Amino acid sequence: MIEILTPAELVRAKDTGAVVANILYTLKDRAGVGTNLLDIDRWAAEMITAAGAESCYYDYEPSFGRGPFGHYICTSVNDAVLHGLPYDYALADGDLLTLDLAVLKRGVAADSAISFIIGESRSAESVALIDTTEQALAAGIAAAQPGARIGDLSHAIGTVLSAAGYQINTDFGGHGIGSTMHQDPHISNTGRPGRGYKLRPGLLLALEPWIMTDTATLVTDNDGWTLRSTTGCQTAHSEHTIAITDAGPEILTLPR
């Protein structure tokens, strides 16, 4: 299913996007050495409720997960890159943490992810991973002009990732979003320009480049959800929900 939002729905989407962004950046400010992932999940639940929104994750039960997710935010640490199930773990200095959050408010969903380093230790490898995903995300957003094709976005993202020397996994990527979190079209993190669905004003997309230091292969953790690098290497993930408008792409998941 591909949805095209009305102007009224787009106004609501902007509100939802701001909720997601404000929660993510509040959690980033709170997270430090010794913070437990379960506390981050609890804080997320409290802020979602306070914002009058609903979690897109708690009851989520897709084919690639084991049963309902049962938590409010994905917390992926170091070699975990996607769908990190919160568990009893206290963050350590130098950990690379990715927070991925999606909520629904007034019938419209928004989805975003940020990666950052805990504490004072900042390895060059971790910094490079985060910077590259953010640059790739910016390139994908810049390519998301009305009339462009999905392949143009994938090509822009993949060009940045490949130029930085990273391998690209195509099992998971970006997606359409609207009244539900995951919709068509799928947006691979590499692709050929000029191919795929033609972008129209009113379309919402979640773009999400993610990479692993020295592999493109994932393994599923014993929890049935968390996806990790097969080599145990560091990973990073950046994501924004954007709206296609007549004037170009508009990022909805920026904090207000």
Protein backbone atom coordinates (compact mmCIF):
# COMPACT_ATOMS: atom_id res chain seq x y z
CA MET A 1 0.00 0.00 0.00
CA ILE A 2 1.20 3.49 -0.91
CA GLU A 3 -0.61 6.42 0.70
CA ILE A 4 -0.67 10.02 -0.48
CA LEU A 5 -1.51 12.34 2.40
CA THR A 6 -3.94 15.23 2.19
CA PRO A 7 -2.81 18.70 3.33
CA ALA A 8 -4.66 18.17 6.64
CA GLU A 9 -2.97 14.81 7.17
CA LEU A 10 0.41 16.38 6.39
CA VAL A 11 -0.13 18.91 9.19
CA ARG A 12 -0.74 16.00 11.57
CA ALA A 13 2.34 14.20 10.22
CA LYS A 14 4.48 17.21 11.11
CA ASP A 15 3.18 17.07 14.67
CA THR A 16 3.90 13.34 14.93
CA GLY A 17 7.39 13.86 13.52
CA ALA A 18 8.13 16.52 16.12
CA VAL A 19 6.99 14.15 18.89
CA VAL A 20 9.39 11.45 17.67
CA ALA A 21 12.30 13.87 17.35
CA ASN A 22 11.77 15.51 20.73
CA ILE A 23 11.61 12.13 22.48
CA LEU A 24 14.75 10.86 20.73
CA TYR A 25 16.83 13.92 21.57
CA THR A 26 15.56 14.02 25.15
CA LEU A 27 16.63 10.39 25.52
CA LYS A 28 20.00 11.19 23.96
CA ASP A 29 20.53 13.92 26.56
CA ARG A 30 19.55 11.58 29.42
CA ALA A 31 21.59 8.57 28.29
CA GLY A 32 25.05 8.31 29.81
CA VAL A 33 27.50 5.91 31.34
CA GLY A 34 25.52 3.60 33.62
CA THR A 35 22.12 4.26 32.04
CA ASN A 36 20.16 1.02 31.69
CA LEU A 37 18.46 0.23 28.37
CA LEU A 38 15.30 -0.71 30.25
CA ASP A 39 15.22 2.78 31.76
CA ILE A 40 15.46 4.28 28.27
CA ASP A 41 12.51 2.12 27.24
CA ARG A 42 10.51 3.22 30.30
CA TRP A 43 11.28 6.88 29.67
CA ALA A 44 10.19 6.49 26.04
CA ALA A 45 6.89 4.94 27.12
CA GLU A 46 6.24 7.80 29.55
CA MET A 47 6.98 10.47 26.94
CA ILE A 48 4.87 8.78 24.27
CA THR A 49 1.90 8.76 26.63
CA ALA A 50 2.51 12.36 27.72
CA ALA A 51 2.49 13.44 24.06
CA GLY A 52 -0.89 11.80 23.44
CA ALA A 53 0.70 9.35 20.99
CA GLU A 54 0.79 5.56 20.63
CA SER A 55 3.75 3.24 20.22
CA CYS A 56 4.15 1.64 16.80
CA TYR A 57 6.42 -1.01 18.33
CA TYR A 58 4.82 -2.47 21.42
CA ASP A 59 2.36 -4.83 19.70
CA TYR A 60 4.31 -5.03 16.44
CA GLU A 61 4.59 -8.61 15.21
CA PRO A 62 6.15 -8.79 11.70
CA SER A 63 7.47 -11.91 10.02
CA PHE A 64 11.10 -11.03 10.84
CA GLY A 65 10.56 -10.83 14.62
CA ARG A 66 9.71 -13.37 17.30
CA GLY A 67 6.27 -12.50 18.64
CA PRO A 68 5.16 -8.99 19.67
CA PHE A 69 8.10 -6.61 20.21
CA GLY A 70 6.81 -5.76 23.68
CA HIS A 71 8.85 -2.55 24.12
CA TYR A 72 8.55 1.10 23.09
CA ILE A 73 11.91 1.86 21.45
CA CYS A 74 14.73 -0.02 19.73
CA THR A 75 18.03 0.24 21.62
CA SER A 76 20.89 -1.14 19.51
CA VAL A 77 24.36 -1.13 21.06
CA ASN A 78 27.72 -1.57 19.27
CA ASP A 79 27.41 -4.67 17.04
CA ALA A 80 23.59 -4.45 17.14
CA VAL A 81 22.34 -2.33 14.26
CA LEU A 82 18.58 -2.85 13.89
CA HIS A 83 15.56 -3.80 16.00
CA GLY A 84 17.53 -3.81 19.25
CA LEU A 85 15.28 -5.23 21.95
CA PRO A 86 15.84 -3.36 25.24
CA TYR A 87 17.30 -5.55 27.98
CA ASP A 88 19.05 -5.24 31.33
CA TYR A 89 22.30 -3.61 30.21
CA ALA A 90 24.06 -0.56 31.67
CA LEU A 91 25.72 1.58 29.00
CA ALA A 92 29.52 1.87 29.16
CA ASP A 93 31.90 4.63 28.13
CA GLY A 94 32.47 4.46 24.36
CA ASP A 95 29.36 2.41 23.54
CA LEU A 96 27.77 3.30 20.21
CA LEU A 97 24.02 3.47 20.84
CA THR A 98 21.28 3.69 18.21
CA LEU A 99 17.79 4.71 19.29
CA ASP A 100 15.01 3.99 16.77
CA LEU A 101 11.49 5.22 17.53
CA ALA A 102 8.15 5.26 15.71
CA VAL A 103 4.86 6.56 17.07
CA LEU A 104 1.34 7.15 15.81
CA LYS A 105 -0.58 10.31 16.66
CA ARG A 106 -3.94 11.39 15.29
CA GLY A 107 -3.80 8.68 12.66
CA VAL A 108 -0.34 9.42 11.21
CA ALA A 109 2.96 7.70 12.03
CA ALA A 110 6.56 8.99 12.00
CA ASP A 111 9.82 7.05 12.35
CA SER A 112 13.38 8.17 13.09
CA ALA A 113 16.70 6.84 14.37
CA ILE A 114 19.84 8.46 15.76
CA SER A 115 23.24 6.96 16.58
CA PHE A 116 25.61 8.51 19.12
CA ILE A 117 28.48 7.65 21.43
CA ILE A 118 28.12 7.30 25.18
CA GLY A 119 30.59 9.03 27.48
CA GLU A 120 33.95 10.55 26.61
CA SER A 121 35.66 7.77 24.64
CA ARG A 122 35.14 8.37 20.93
CA SER A 123 36.82 5.88 18.62
CA ALA A 124 37.56 7.04 15.08
CA GLU A 125 35.71 3.98 13.80
CA SER A 126 32.50 4.88 15.64
CA VAL A 127 32.66 8.53 14.59
CA ALA A 128 33.18 7.56 10.95
CA LEU A 129 30.25 5.15 11.00
CA ILE A 130 27.86 7.74 12.39
CA ASP A 131 29.09 10.51 10.10
CA THR A 132 28.72 8.30 7.02
CA THR A 133 25.14 7.29 7.79
CA GLU A 134 24.22 10.92 8.40
CA GLN A 135 25.85 12.01 5.12
CA ALA A 136 24.10 9.21 3.23
CA LEU A 137 20.78 10.20 4.79
CA ALA A 138 21.30 13.82 3.74
CA ALA A 139 22.10 12.69 0.18
CA GLY A 140 18.97 10.55 0.02
CA ILE A 141 16.82 13.40 1.29
CA ALA A 142 18.32 15.84 -1.25
CA ALA A 143 17.42 13.41 -4.05
CA ALA A 144 13.79 13.13 -2.88
CA GLN A 145 12.38 15.73 -5.24
CA PRO A 146 8.87 15.50 -6.72
CA GLY A 147 9.11 13.55 -9.96
CA ALA A 148 12.23 11.67 -8.89
CA ARG A 149 12.22 7.89 -8.67
CA ILE A 150 12.85 5.68 -5.63
CA GLY A 151 15.99 4.42 -7.38
CA ASP A 152 17.36 7.97 -7.36
CA LEU A 153 17.18 8.02 -3.56
CA SER A 154 18.70 4.54 -3.23
CA HIS A 155 21.51 5.49 -5.62
CA ALA A 156 22.28 8.69 -3.70
CA ILE A 157 22.42 6.82 -0.38
CA GLY A 158 24.46 3.94 -1.75
CA THR A 159 26.96 6.21 -3.47
CA VAL A 160 27.90 7.79 -0.13
CA LEU A 161 28.09 4.48 1.71
CA SER A 162 30.18 2.79 -0.99
CA ALA A 163 32.53 5.76 -1.39
CA ALA A 164 33.31 5.52 2.33
CA GLY A 165 34.26 1.86 1.87
CA TYR A 166 31.30 0.17 3.54
CA GLN A 167 29.47 -2.90 2.31
CA ILE A 168 25.70 -2.47 1.88
CA ASN A 169 23.06 -4.91 3.09
CA THR A 170 19.79 -4.83 1.13
CA ASP A 171 17.68 -7.02 3.44
CA PHE A 172 16.36 -3.96 5.28
CA GLY A 173 16.03 -0.34 4.18
CA GLY A 174 13.71 2.62 4.11
CA HIS A 175 9.99 2.52 3.51
CA GLY A 176 6.79 4.39 2.94
CA ILE A 177 4.92 5.53 6.03
CA GLY A 178 1.52 7.03 6.75
CA SER A 179 -1.41 5.64 8.70
CA THR A 180 0.84 2.65 9.49
CA MET A 181 4.56 2.47 10.18
CA HIS A 182 5.74 0.22 7.35
CA GLN A 183 4.30 0.69 3.85
CA ASP A 184 5.42 0.52 0.26
CA PRO A 185 7.57 1.59 -1.43
CA HIS A 186 10.68 -0.16 -0.13
CA ILE A 187 13.78 2.05 -0.34
CA SER A 188 16.97 0.04 -0.62
CA ASN A 189 20.21 1.62 0.56
CA THR A 190 21.69 1.08 -2.89
CA GLY A 191 20.09 1.09 -6.31
CA ARG A 192 19.96 2.32 -9.88
CA PRO A 193 18.79 5.86 -10.66
CA GLY A 194 15.68 6.36 -12.75
CA ARG A 195 14.01 3.18 -11.50
CA GLY A 196 11.01 2.55 -9.29
CA TYR A 197 8.03 4.48 -8.01
CA LYS A 198 7.74 8.15 -9.02
CA LEU A 199 7.61 10.54 -6.05
CA ARG A 200 4.47 12.64 -5.66
CA PRO A 201 3.65 15.48 -3.25
CA GLY A 202 1.92 14.09 -0.18
CA LEU A 203 4.06 10.95 -0.04
CA LEU A 204 5.79 10.22 3.27
CA LEU A 205 9.03 8.23 3.28
CA ALA A 206 11.32 6.99 6.04
CA LEU A 207 14.91 6.88 4.75
CA GLU A 208 17.35 4.88 6.88
CA PRO A 209 20.94 4.18 5.83
CA TRP A 210 22.71 1.76 8.15
CA ILE A 211 26.12 0.13 7.94
CA MET A 212 28.50 -2.25 9.67
CA THR A 213 32.26 -1.72 9.78
CA ASP A 214 33.50 -4.80 7.92
CA THR A 215 30.53 -6.91 6.79
CA ALA A 216 27.13 -6.76 5.11
CA THR A 217 25.82 -9.89 6.80
CA LEU A 218 23.42 -9.93 9.75
CA VAL A 219 22.68 -12.49 12.43
CA THR A 220 19.56 -12.52 14.61
CA ASP A 221 20.17 -12.46 18.35
CA ASN A 222 18.72 -15.13 20.61
CA ASP A 223 16.04 -12.62 21.65
CA GLY A 224 14.47 -13.14 18.22
CA TRP A 225 14.61 -9.44 17.31
CA THR A 226 18.01 -7.76 17.58
CA LEU A 227 20.02 -7.85 14.34
CA ARG A 228 23.80 -7.88 14.82
CA SER A 229 26.86 -7.87 12.59
CA THR A 230 28.15 -11.41 12.04
CA THR A 231 31.71 -10.31 12.84
CA GLY A 232 30.88 -8.44 16.04
CA CYS A 233 31.96 -5.14 14.46
CA GLN A 234 30.55 -1.69 15.24
CA THR A 235 27.42 -0.46 13.44
CA ALA A 236 25.41 2.74 12.97
CA HIS A 237 21.97 3.76 11.70
CA SER A 238 20.40 7.15 10.89
CA GLU A 239 16.78 7.76 9.86
CA HIS A 240 14.33 10.58 9.13
CA THR A 241 10.74 10.67 8.02
CA ILE A 242 10.31 13.13 5.16
CA ALA A 243 7.35 14.50 3.21
CA ILE A 244 7.50 15.04 -0.54
CA THR A 245 6.15 18.52 -1.28
CA ASP A 246 5.91 20.67 -4.41
CA ALA A 247 8.90 22.62 -3.09
CA GLY A 248 10.98 19.51 -2.40
CA PRO A 249 11.56 17.21 0.59
CA GLU A 250 10.63 18.36 4.08
CA ILE A 251 12.17 16.63 7.11
CA LEU A 252 9.44 15.95 9.66
CA THR A 253 11.54 14.34 12.42
CA LEU A 254 13.55 17.33 13.55
CA PRO A 255 13.17 18.52 17.17
CA ARG A 256 11.21 21.70 17.77
